[in-house]
C-alpha atoms as a PDB file:
ATOM      1  CA  MET A   1     -17.331  -9.192  -2.644  1.00  0.00           C
ATOM      2  CA  THR A   2     -16.442 -10.586  -6.060  1.00  0.00           C
ATOM      3  CA  THR A   3     -16.243  -7.117  -7.609  1.00  0.00           C
ATOM      4  CA  LYS A   4     -13.956  -6.020  -4.784  1.00  0.00           C
ATOM      5  CA  SER A   5     -11.564  -8.925  -5.350  1.00  0.00           C
ATOM      6  CA  THR A   6     -11.497  -8.293  -9.108  1.00  0.00           C
ATOM      7  CA  ASN A   7     -10.830  -4.608  -8.442  1.00  0.00           C
ATOM      8  CA  CYS A   8      -7.902  -5.575  -6.213  1.00  0.00           C
ATOM      9  CA  ASP A   9      -6.583  -7.863  -8.948  1.00  0.00           C
ATOM     10  CA  CYS A  10      -6.870  -5.077 -11.519  1.00  0.00           C
ATOM     11  CA  TYR A  11      -5.065  -2.610  -9.274  1.00  0.00           C
ATOM     12  CA  PHE A  12      -2.355  -5.196  -8.570  1.00  0.00           C
ATOM     13  CA  LEU A  13      -1.869  -5.815 -12.299  1.00  0.00           C
ATOM     14  CA  LEU A  14      -1.750  -2.052 -12.932  1.00  0.00           C
ATOM     15  CA  PHE A  15       0.856  -1.714 -10.186  1.00  0.00           C
ATOM     16  CA  LEU A  16       2.959  -4.485 -11.727  1.00  0.00           C
ATOM     17  CA  LEU A  17       2.685  -2.878 -15.153  1.00  0.00           C
ATOM     18  CA  ALA A  18       3.637   0.560 -13.843  1.00  0.00           C
ATOM     19  CA  SER A  19       6.606  -0.782 -11.882  1.00  0.00           C
ATOM     20  CA  SER A  20       7.873  -2.759 -14.883  1.00  0.00           C
ATOM     21  CA  LEU A  21       7.541   0.331 -17.109  1.00  0.00           C
ATOM     22  CA  LEU A  22       9.441   2.426 -14.563  1.00  0.00           C
ATOM     23  CA  TYR A  23      12.152  -0.255 -14.382  1.00  0.00           C
ATOM     24  CA  LEU A  24      12.499  -0.310 -18.169  1.00  0.00           C
ATOM     25  CA  PHE A  25      12.551   3.501 -18.287  1.00  0.00           C
ATOM     26  CA  PHE A  26      15.353   3.790 -15.732  1.00  0.00           C
ATOM     27  CA  LYS A  27      17.252   0.913 -17.365  1.00  0.00           C
ATOM     28  CA  ILE A  28      17.127   2.603 -20.794  1.00  0.00           C
ATOM     29  CA  GLN A  29      17.996   5.980 -19.284  1.00  0.00           C
ATOM     30  CA  SER A  30      21.043   4.573 -17.478  1.00  0.00           C
ATOM     31  CA  SER A  31      22.213   2.768 -20.627  1.00  0.00           C
ATOM     32  CA  LEU A  32      21.844   5.997 -22.620  1.00  0.00           C
ATOM     33  CA  ASN A  33      23.782   7.966 -20.006  1.00  0.00           C
ATOM     34  CA  ALA A  34      26.569   5.370 -20.006  1.00  0.00           C
END
């Protein structure tokens, strides 16, 4: 049970990290295009 919850937390943190990286990538790309 504990390992499952920690796994969920890790996946959630990875999801947040990936989404923030994607946001930064698109933000930089749009600024470069403009």
